[in-house]
PDB file of N, CA and C in Angstrom:
ATOM      1  N   MET A   1       0.533  -0.976   0.451  1.00  0.00           N
ATOM      2  CA  MET A   1      -0.181   0.113  -0.037  1.00  0.00           C
ATOM      3  C   MET A   1       0.629   1.525   0.064  1.00  0.00           C
ATOM      4  N   PRO A   2       0.481   2.471  -0.658  1.00  0.00           N
ATOM      5  CA  PRO A   2       0.592   3.485  -0.689  1.00  0.00           C
ATOM      6  C   PRO A   2       1.113   3.958   1.199  1.00  0.00           C
ATOM      7  N   ALA A   3       1.560   5.228   0.865  1.00  0.00           N
ATOM      8  CA  ALA A   3       2.003   6.064   1.662  1.00  0.00           C
ATOM      9  C   ALA A   3       2.054   7.587   2.013  1.00  0.00           C
ATOM     10  N   TYR A   4       1.727   8.363   2.304  1.00  0.00           N
ATOM     11  CA  TYR A   4       1.390   9.473   1.987  1.00  0.00           C
ATOM     12  C   TYR A   4       2.422  10.810   2.919  1.00  0.00           C
ATOM     13  N   TRP A   5       3.006  11.461   2.533  1.00  0.00           N
ATOM     14  CA  TRP A   5       3.433  12.956   3.658  1.00  0.00           C
ATOM     15  C   TRP A   5       2.809  13.439   3.785  1.00  0.00           C
ATOM     16  N   ILE A   6       1.719  14.163   4.504  1.00  0.00           N
ATOM     17  CA  ILE A   6       0.840  15.410   4.214  1.00  0.00           C
ATOM     18  C   ILE A   6       1.470  16.659   4.837  1.00  0.00           C
ATOM     19  N   ALA A   7       1.872  17.462   5.021  1.00  0.00           N
ATOM     20  CA  ALA A   7       3.069  18.605   5.247  1.00  0.00           C
ATOM     21  C   ALA A   7       1.630  20.498   5.069  1.00  0.00           C
ATOM     22  N   HIS A   8       1.560  20.966   6.294  1.00  0.00           N
ATOM     23  CA  HIS A   8       1.312  21.914   6.573  1.00  0.00           C
ATOM     24  C   HIS A   8       2.402  22.536   7.154  1.00  0.00           C
ATOM     25  N   VAL A   9       2.405  24.150   6.269  1.00  0.00           N
ATOM     26  CA  VAL A   9       4.092  24.733   6.296  1.00  0.00           C
ATOM     27  C   VAL A   9       3.507  26.330   6.467  1.00  0.00           C
ATOM     28  N   THR A  10       3.880  26.948   7.781  1.00  0.00           N
ATOM     29  CA  THR A  10       4.212  27.951   7.666  1.00  0.00           C
ATOM     30  C   THR A  10       5.764  28.449   6.818  1.00  0.00           C
ATOM     31  N   VAL A  11       5.884  29.627   6.361  1.00  0.00           N
ATOM     32  CA  VAL A  11       7.835  29.875   5.948  1.00  0.00           C
ATOM     33  C   VAL A  11       7.662  31.002   6.488  1.00  0.00           C
ATOM     34  N   THR A  12       8.809  30.749   7.558  1.00  0.00           N
ATOM     35  CA  THR A  12       9.439  32.399   8.430  1.00  0.00           C
ATOM     36  C   THR A  12      10.378  33.198   7.255  1.00  0.00           C
ATOM     37  N   ASN A  13      11.202  31.803   6.831  1.00  0.00           N
ATOM     38  CA  ASN A  13      12.334  32.491   6.689  1.00  0.00           C
ATOM     39  C   ASN A  13      12.606  31.848   5.247  1.00  0.00           C
ATOM     40  N   PRO A  14      12.388  32.812   4.063  1.00  0.00           N
ATOM     41  CA  PRO A  14      12.095  31.593   3.077  1.00  0.00           C
ATOM     42  C   PRO A  14      13.195  31.298   2.233  1.00  0.00           C
ATOM     43  N   GLU A  15      15.015  32.164   2.644  1.00  0.00           N
ATOM     44  CA  GLU A  15      15.751  31.637   1.793  1.00  0.00           C
ATOM     45  C   GLU A  15      16.296  29.822   2.664  1.00  0.00           C
ATOM     46  N   ALA A  16      16.279  30.267   3.592  1.00  0.00           N
ATOM     47  CA  ALA A  16      16.754  28.650   4.569  1.00  0.00           C
ATOM     48  C   ALA A  16      16.165  27.735   3.820  1.00  0.00           C
ATOM     49  N   TYR A  17      14.591  28.264   4.219  1.00  0.00           N
ATOM     50  CA  TYR A  17      13.320  27.313   3.512  1.00  0.00           C
ATOM     51  C   TYR A  17      13.324  26.701   2.200  1.00  0.00           C
ATOM     52  N   GLY A  18      14.637  26.921   1.687  1.00  0.00           N
ATOM     53  CA  GLY A  18      14.263  27.360  -0.039  1.00  0.00           C
ATOM     54  C   GLY A  18      15.419  25.959  -0.050  1.00  0.00           C
ATOM     55  N   GLN A  19      16.893  26.198   1.225  1.00  0.00           N
ATOM     56  CA  GLN A  19      17.682  24.585   0.991  1.00  0.00           C
ATOM     57  C   GLN A  19      16.718  24.358   1.699  1.00  0.00           C
ATOM     58  N   TYR A  20      16.654  23.812   2.310  1.00  0.00           N
ATOM     59  CA  TYR A  20      15.704  22.788   2.790  1.00  0.00           C
ATOM     60  C   TYR A  20      14.850  22.333   1.706  1.00  0.00           C
ATOM     61  N   ALA A  21      13.957  22.418   0.571  1.00  0.00           N
ATOM     62  CA  ALA A  21      13.454  22.701  -0.030  1.00  0.00           C
ATOM     63  C   ALA A  21      14.204  21.973  -1.248  1.00  0.00           C
ATOM     64  N   SER A  22      15.463  22.198  -0.767  1.00  0.00           N
ATOM     65  CA  SER A  22      16.053  21.203  -2.510  1.00  0.00           C
ATOM     66  C   SER A  22      16.807  20.489  -2.003  1.00  0.00           C
ATOM     67  N   ARG A  23      17.108  20.522  -1.053  1.00  0.00           N
ATOM     68  CA  ARG A  23      17.887  19.233  -0.862  1.00  0.00           C
ATOM     69  C   ARG A  23      16.495  18.183   0.065  1.00  0.00           C
ATOM     70  N   ALA A  24      15.440  18.256   0.331  1.00  0.00           N
ATOM     71  CA  ALA A  24      14.663  17.561   0.791  1.00  0.00           C
ATOM     72  C   ALA A  24      13.689  16.761  -0.514  1.00  0.00           C
ATOM     73  N   THR A  25      13.160  17.830  -1.623  1.00  0.00           N
ATOM     74  CA  THR A  25      12.990  17.367  -2.712  1.00  0.00           C
ATOM     75  C   THR A  25      13.583  15.952  -2.906  1.00  0.00           C
ATOM     76  N   GLU A  26      15.090  16.080  -3.468  1.00  0.00           N
ATOM     77  CA  GLU A  26      16.064  14.825  -3.216  1.00  0.00           C
ATOM     78  C   GLU A  26      15.932  13.772  -2.642  1.00  0.00           C
ATOM     79  N   ALA A  27      16.252  14.039  -1.446  1.00  0.00           N
ATOM     80  CA  ALA A  27      16.338  12.230   0.000  1.00  0.00           C
ATOM     81  C   ALA A  27      14.916  12.357  -0.527  1.00  0.00           C
ATOM     82  N   ILE A  28      13.829  12.605  -1.402  1.00  0.00           N
ATOM     83  CA  ILE A  28      12.694  11.953  -0.999  1.00  0.00           C
ATOM     84  C   ILE A  28      12.338  10.684  -2.394  1.00  0.00           C
ATOM     85  N   ALA A  29      12.658  11.511  -3.617  1.00  0.00           N
ATOM     86  CA  ALA A  29      12.805  11.000  -5.107  1.00  0.00           C
ATOM     87  C   ALA A  29      13.850   9.882  -4.606  1.00  0.00           C
ATOM     88  N   ALA A  30      15.124   9.729  -4.390  1.00  0.00           N
ATOM     89  CA  ALA A  30      16.023   8.528  -3.429  1.00  0.00           C
ATOM     90  C   ALA A  30      14.909   7.460  -2.522  1.00  0.00           C
ATOM     91  N   HIS A  31      14.133   8.167  -2.154  1.00  0.00           N
ATOM     92  CA  HIS A  31      13.561   6.902  -1.480  1.00  0.00           C
ATOM     93  C   HIS A  31      11.849   6.766  -1.961  1.00  0.00           C
ATOM     94  N   GLY A  32      11.813   6.834  -3.285  1.00  0.00           N
ATOM     95  CA  GLY A  32      10.904   6.204  -4.050  1.00  0.00           C
ATOM     96  C   GLY A  32       9.534   7.717  -3.803  1.00  0.00           C
ATOM     97  N   GLY A  33       9.995   9.231  -3.824  1.00  0.00           N
ATOM     98  CA  GLY A  33       8.158   9.520  -3.088  1.00  0.00           C
ATOM     99  C   GLY A  33       8.467  10.560  -3.888  1.00  0.00           C
ATOM    100  N   THR A  34       7.288  10.574  -4.403  1.00  0.00           N
ATOM    101  CA  THR A  34       7.335  11.452  -5.586  1.00  0.00           C
ATOM    102  C   THR A  34       5.706  12.588  -5.365  1.00  0.00           C
ATOM    103  N   PHE A  35       5.794  14.005  -5.847  1.00  0.00           N
ATOM    104  CA  PHE A  35       4.367  15.103  -5.063  1.00  0.00           C
ATOM    105  C   PHE A  35       4.028  14.848  -5.960  1.00  0.00           C
ATOM    106  N   LEU A  36       2.224  14.892  -5.183  1.00  0.00           N
ATOM    107  CA  LEU A  36       1.046  15.371  -5.627  1.00  0.00           C
ATOM    108  C   LEU A  36       0.796  16.061  -6.033  1.00  0.00           C
ATOM    109  N   ALA A  37       0.983  17.307  -4.361  1.00  0.00           N
ATOM    110  CA  ALA A  37       1.044  18.257  -4.492  1.00  0.00           C
ATOM    111  C   ALA A  37       2.061  19.362  -3.510  1.00  0.00           C
ATOM    112  N   ARG A  38       1.991  20.734  -3.864  1.00  0.00           N
ATOM    113  CA  ARG A  38       3.167  21.086  -3.568  1.00  0.00           C
ATOM    114  C   ARG A  38       3.167  23.184  -3.391  1.00  0.00           C
ATOM    115  N   SER A  39       2.604  23.741  -2.678  1.00  0.00           N
ATOM    116  CA  SER A  39       2.634  24.613  -2.286  1.00  0.00           C
ATOM    117  C   SER A  39       1.334  25.358  -3.734  1.00  0.00           C
ATOM    118  N   GLY A  40       0.403  24.923  -4.022  1.00  0.00           N
ATOM    119  CA  GLY A  40      -0.839  25.163  -4.687  1.00  0.00           C
ATOM    120  C   GLY A  40      -1.572  25.991  -4.528  1.00  0.00           C
ATOM    121  N   ARG A  41      -2.993  26.087  -4.808  1.00  0.00           N
ATOM    122  CA  ARG A  41      -3.612  27.166  -4.527  1.00  0.00           C
ATOM    123  C   ARG A  41      -4.407  26.661  -3.936  1.00  0.00           C
ATOM    124  N   TYR A  42      -5.539  26.873  -2.920  1.00  0.00           N
ATOM    125  CA  TYR A  42      -6.168  25.607  -1.725  1.00  0.00           C
ATOM    126  C   TYR A  42      -6.990  26.946  -1.270  1.00  0.00           C
ATOM    127  N   LYS A  43      -7.965  26.303  -0.268  1.00  0.00           N
ATOM    128  CA  LYS A  43      -8.586  26.905   0.469  1.00  0.00           C
ATOM    129  C   LYS A  43      -8.980  26.325   1.808  1.00  0.00           C
ATOM    130  N   GLN A  44      -8.160  26.817   3.075  1.00  0.00           N
ATOM    131  CA  GLN A  44      -8.758  26.423   4.312  1.00  0.00           C
ATOM    132  C   GLN A  44     -10.150  26.049   4.736  1.00  0.00           C
ATOM    133  N   LEU A  45     -10.650  25.169   5.125  1.00  0.00           N
ATOM    134  CA  LEU A  45     -12.287  25.076   5.403  1.00  0.00           C
ATOM    135  C   LEU A  45     -12.527  24.514   7.110  1.00  0.00           C
ATOM    136  N   GLU A  46     -11.005  24.210   7.703  1.00  0.00           N
ATOM    137  CA  GLU A  46     -10.969  23.356   8.709  1.00  0.00           C
ATOM    138  C   GLU A  46      -9.543  24.042   9.446  1.00  0.00           C
ATOM    139  N   GLY A  47      -9.946  23.971  10.516  1.00  0.00           N
ATOM    140  CA  GLY A  47      -8.030  23.911  11.883  1.00  0.00           C
ATOM    141  C   GLY A  47      -7.098  25.154  11.226  1.00  0.00           C
ATOM    142  N   LYS A  48      -6.020  24.489  11.327  1.00  0.00           N
ATOM    143  CA  LYS A  48      -5.256  25.853  11.092  1.00  0.00           C
ATOM    144  C   LYS A  48      -4.500  26.282   9.823  1.00  0.00           C
ATOM    145  N   ASP A  49      -4.676  27.850   9.691  1.00  0.00           N
ATOM    146  CA  ASP A  49      -3.788  27.794   8.075  1.00  0.00           C
ATOM    147  C   ASP A  49      -2.635  28.306   8.413  1.00  0.00           C
ATOM    148  N   ARG A  50      -2.009  27.049   6.824  1.00  0.00           N
ATOM    149  CA  ARG A  50      -0.556  27.230   6.815  1.00  0.00           C
ATOM    150  C   ARG A  50      -0.240  27.684   5.289  1.00  0.00           C
ATOM    151  N   ALA A  51      -0.435  28.157   4.771  1.00  0.00           N
ATOM    152  CA  ALA A  51       0.086  28.745   3.464  1.00  0.00           C
ATOM    153  C   ALA A  51       0.433  27.841   2.446  1.00  0.00           C
ATOM    154  N   ARG A  52       1.268  27.042   3.049  1.00  0.00           N
ATOM    155  CA  ARG A  52       1.831  26.097   2.137  1.00  0.00           C
ATOM    156  C   ARG A  52       1.840  24.324   2.161  1.00  0.00           C
ATOM    157  N   ASN A  53       1.450  23.923   1.655  1.00  0.00           N
ATOM    158  CA  ASN A  53       0.282  22.426   1.512  1.00  0.00           C
ATOM    159  C   ASN A  53       1.001  21.235   1.285  1.00  0.00           C
ATOM    160  N   VAL A  54       1.612  20.635   1.617  1.00  0.00           N
ATOM    161  CA  VAL A  54       2.730  19.086   0.714  1.00  0.00           C
ATOM    162  C   VAL A  54       2.190  18.434   0.387  1.00  0.00           C
ATOM    163  N   VAL A  55       2.051  17.304  -0.545  1.00  0.00           N
ATOM    164  CA  VAL A  55       1.830  15.582  -0.462  1.00  0.00           C
ATOM    165  C   VAL A  55       2.586  15.472  -1.517  1.00  0.00           C
ATOM    166  N   ALA A  56       3.008  13.659  -1.177  1.00  0.00           N
ATOM    167  CA  ALA A  56       3.718  13.591  -1.321  1.00  0.00           C
ATOM    168  C   ALA A  56       3.519  11.922  -1.302  1.00  0.00           C
ATOM    169  N   VAL A  57       3.277  10.988  -2.194  1.00  0.00           N
ATOM    170  CA  VAL A  57       3.793   9.735  -2.190  1.00  0.00           C
ATOM    171  C   VAL A  57       4.570   8.876  -2.237  1.00  0.00           C
ATOM    172  N   PHE A  58       4.849   8.077  -1.720  1.00  0.00           N
ATOM    173  CA  PHE A  58       6.019   6.948  -1.504  1.00  0.00           C
ATOM    174  C   PHE A  58       5.390   5.222  -2.177  1.00  0.00           C
ATOM    175  N   PRO A  59       6.146   4.668  -2.055  1.00  0.00           N
ATOM    176  CA  PRO A  59       5.504   3.156  -2.411  1.00  0.00           C
ATOM    177  C   PRO A  59       5.260   2.044  -1.487  1.00  0.00           C
ATOM    178  N   THR A  60       5.608   2.876  -0.131  1.00  0.00           N
ATOM    179  CA  THR A  60       4.854   2.246   1.462  1.00  0.00           C
ATOM    180  C   THR A  60       5.232   2.728   2.382  1.00  0.00           C
ATOM    181  N   PHE A  61       4.435   2.363   3.585  1.00  0.00           N
ATOM    182  CA  PHE A  61       4.911   3.241   5.315  1.00  0.00           C
ATOM    183  C   PHE A  61       5.692   3.333   5.412  1.00  0.00           C
ATOM    184  N   GLU A  62       6.797   2.162   5.425  1.00  0.00           N
ATOM    185  CA  GLU A  62       8.188   1.666   5.731  1.00  0.00           C
ATOM    186  C   GLU A  62       8.937   2.640   4.639  1.00  0.00           C
ATOM    187  N   ALA A  63       9.011   3.170   3.511  1.00  0.00           N
ATOM    188  CA  ALA A  63       9.657   3.225   2.751  1.00  0.00           C
ATOM    189  C   ALA A  63       9.591   5.708   3.356  1.00  0.00           C
ATOM    190  N   ALA A  64       8.333   5.640   3.317  1.00  0.00           N
ATOM    191  CA  ALA A  64       7.759   6.873   3.968  1.00  0.00           C
ATOM    192  C   ALA A  64       8.408   7.225   5.596  1.00  0.00           C
ATOM    193  N   ILE A  65       8.163   6.017   6.012  1.00  0.00           N
ATOM    194  CA  ILE A  65       8.919   6.910   7.794  1.00  0.00           C
ATOM    195  C   ILE A  65      11.251   6.640   7.214  1.00  0.00           C
ATOM    196  N   ALA A  66      11.203   5.481   6.373  1.00  0.00           N
ATOM    197  CA  ALA A  66      12.656   5.636   6.337  1.00  0.00           C
ATOM    198  C   ALA A  66      13.387   7.431   5.506  1.00  0.00           C
ATOM    199  N   CYS A  67      12.257   7.401   4.664  1.00  0.00           N
ATOM    200  CA  CYS A  67      12.724   8.946   3.859  1.00  0.00           C
ATOM    201  C   CYS A  67      12.977   9.450   5.479  1.00  0.00           C
ATOM    202  N   TYR A  68      11.895  10.228   6.326  1.00  0.00           N
ATOM    203  CA  TYR A  68      12.238  11.061   7.251  1.00  0.00           C
ATOM    204  C   TYR A  68      13.306  10.506   7.880  1.00  0.00           C
ATOM    205  N   GLU A  69      13.760   9.058   8.531  1.00  0.00           N
ATOM    206  CA  GLU A  69      14.688   8.794   8.860  1.00  0.00           C
ATOM    207  C   GLU A  69      16.266   9.255   8.529  1.00  0.00           C
ATOM    208  N   SER A  70      16.046   9.188   7.488  1.00  0.00           N
ATOM    209  CA  SER A  70      18.010   9.292   6.530  1.00  0.00           C
ATOM    210  C   SER A  70      18.362   9.906   6.578  1.00  0.00           C
ATOM    211  N   ALA A  71      19.646   9.886   7.094  1.00  0.00           N
ATOM    212  CA  ALA A  71      20.685  11.329   6.803  1.00  0.00           C
ATOM    213  C   ALA A  71      20.425  12.528   6.098  1.00  0.00           C
ATOM    214  N   GLU A  72      20.121  12.133   4.539  1.00  0.00           N
ATOM    215  CA  GLU A  72      19.906  12.953   3.416  1.00  0.00           C
ATOM    216  C   GLU A  72      19.356  14.013   3.849  1.00  0.00           C
ATOM    217  N   TYR A  73      17.389  13.513   4.491  1.00  0.00           N
ATOM    218  CA  TYR A  73      16.095  13.852   5.224  1.00  0.00           C
ATOM    219  C   TYR A  73      16.830  14.854   6.075  1.00  0.00           C
ATOM    220  N   GLN A  74      16.914  14.536   6.929  1.00  0.00           N
ATOM    221  CA  GLN A  74      17.952  14.839   8.247  1.00  0.00           C
ATOM    222  C   GLN A  74      18.515  15.735   8.137  1.00  0.00           C
ATOM    223  N   HIS A  75      20.042  16.314   7.650  1.00  0.00           N
ATOM    224  CA  HIS A  75      20.606  16.830   6.875  1.00  0.00           C
ATOM    225  C   HIS A  75      19.841  18.700   6.690  1.00  0.00           C
ATOM    226  N   ALA A  76      18.911  18.296   5.361  1.00  0.00           N
ATOM    227  CA  ALA A  76      17.874  18.373   5.209  1.00  0.00           C
ATOM    228  C   ALA A  76      17.465  19.815   5.864  1.00  0.00           C
ATOM    229  N   MET A  77      16.233  18.588   7.141  1.00  0.00           N
ATOM    230  CA  MET A  77      15.515  19.402   8.015  1.00  0.00           C
ATOM    231  C   MET A  77      16.760  20.159   9.319  1.00  0.00           C
ATOM    232  N   SER A  78      17.906  20.134   8.754  1.00  0.00           N
ATOM    233  CA  SER A  78      19.007  21.314   9.374  1.00  0.00           C
ATOM    234  C   SER A  78      18.541  22.592   9.142  1.00  0.00           C
ATOM    235  N   PHE A  79      18.026  22.663   7.779  1.00  0.00           N
ATOM    236  CA  PHE A  79      17.491  23.782   6.652  1.00  0.00           C
ATOM    237  C   PHE A  79      16.726  24.632   7.493  1.00  0.00           C
ATOM    238  N   ALA A  80      15.583  23.565   7.820  1.00  0.00           N
ATOM    239  CA  ALA A  80      13.874  23.974   8.177  1.00  0.00           C
ATOM    240  C   ALA A  80      14.052  24.607   9.357  1.00  0.00           C
ATOM    241  N   LYS A  81      14.740  24.081  10.251  1.00  0.00           N
ATOM    242  CA  LYS A  81      14.359  24.536  12.014  1.00  0.00           C
ATOM    243  C   LYS A  81      14.620  25.583  11.817  1.00  0.00           C
ATOM    244  N   GLY A  82      14.047  26.561  12.694  1.00  0.00           N
ATOM    245  CA  GLY A  82      13.609  28.316  12.629  1.00  0.00           C
ATOM    246  C   GLY A  82      13.954  28.405  11.276  1.00  0.00           C
ATOM    247  N   ALA A  83      13.066  28.319  10.637  1.00  0.00           N
ATOM    248  CA  ALA A  83      12.794  28.674   9.092  1.00  0.00           C
ATOM    249  C   ALA A  83      11.361  27.944   8.550  1.00  0.00           C
ATOM    250  N   ALA A  84      10.667  27.346   9.959  1.00  0.00           N
ATOM    251  CA  ALA A  84       8.927  27.281   9.299  1.00  0.00           C
ATOM    252  C   ALA A  84       8.876  26.902  10.595  1.00  0.00           C
ATOM    253  N   GLU A  85       7.296  27.041   9.966  1.00  0.00           N
ATOM    254  CA  GLU A  85       6.967  26.254  11.656  1.00  0.00           C
ATOM    255  C   GLU A  85       5.550  25.300  11.115  1.00  0.00           C
ATOM    256  N   ARG A  86       5.733  23.858  11.177  1.00  0.00           N
ATOM    257  CA  ARG A  86       5.894  22.535  10.383  1.00  0.00           C
ATOM    258  C   ARG A  86       4.371  22.103  11.020  1.00  0.00           C
ATOM    259  N   ASP A  87       3.872  20.767  10.225  1.00  0.00           N
ATOM    260  CA  ASP A  87       2.967  19.832  10.777  1.00  0.00           C
ATOM    261  C   ASP A  87       3.072  18.882   9.657  1.00  0.00           C
ATOM    262  N   LEU A  88       3.732  17.824  10.370  1.00  0.00           N
ATOM    263  CA  LEU A  88       3.896  16.290   9.124  1.00  0.00           C
ATOM    264  C   LEU A  88       3.445  15.598   9.881  1.00  0.00           C
ATOM    265  N   MET A  89       3.003  14.152   8.451  1.00  0.00           N
ATOM    266  CA  MET A  89       2.425  13.645   9.192  1.00  0.00           C
ATOM    267  C   MET A  89       2.465  12.514   8.249  1.00  0.00           C
ATOM    268  N   VAL A  90       2.447  11.539   8.783  1.00  0.00           N
ATOM    269  CA  VAL A  90       2.101  10.046   7.753  1.00  0.00           C
ATOM    270  C   VAL A  90       1.126   9.067   7.462  1.00  0.00           C
ATOM    271  N   VAL A  91       0.319   9.128   6.214  1.00  0.00           N
ATOM    272  CA  VAL A  91      -0.742   8.308   6.251  1.00  0.00           C
ATOM    273  C   VAL A  91      -0.771   7.174   5.233  1.00  0.00           C
ATOM    274  N   GLU A  92      -0.973   6.282   5.723  1.00  0.00           N
ATOM    275  CA  GLU A  92      -0.859   4.726   4.964  1.00  0.00           C
ATOM    276  C   GLU A  92      -2.235   5.000   4.308  1.00  0.00           C
ATOM    277  N   GLY A  93      -1.936   4.954   3.252  1.00  0.00           N
ATOM    278  CA  GLY A  93      -3.073   4.825   2.279  1.00  0.00           C
ATOM    279  C   GLY A  93      -4.296   3.278   2.070  1.00  0.00           C
ATOM    280  N   VAL A  94      -4.936   4.006   1.330  1.00  0.00           N
ATOM    281  CA  VAL A  94      -6.299   2.008   1.238  1.00  0.00           C
ATOM    282  C   VAL A  94      -6.235   1.327  -0.271  1.00  0.00           C
TER     283      VAL A  94
END
């Protein structure tokens, strides 16, 4: 079954977050992930509004977790810390 990363982000430092995004893209691709949505048009219907919304699909739940825990992604995360407020979850598909 596929799994999805769902992220809701408020960027506070665009330059640093851009460094994160370029490195994270490489780490996600290395673990079989592809983007389904990335900062496109949206309408907040409920909950906390965050201007950047991202959905990535991975081949399995395990691959999604392995990507997050990988050295490459954690290195990318070092650029996001202090540059954004984020909520990120992994959801298994049906």
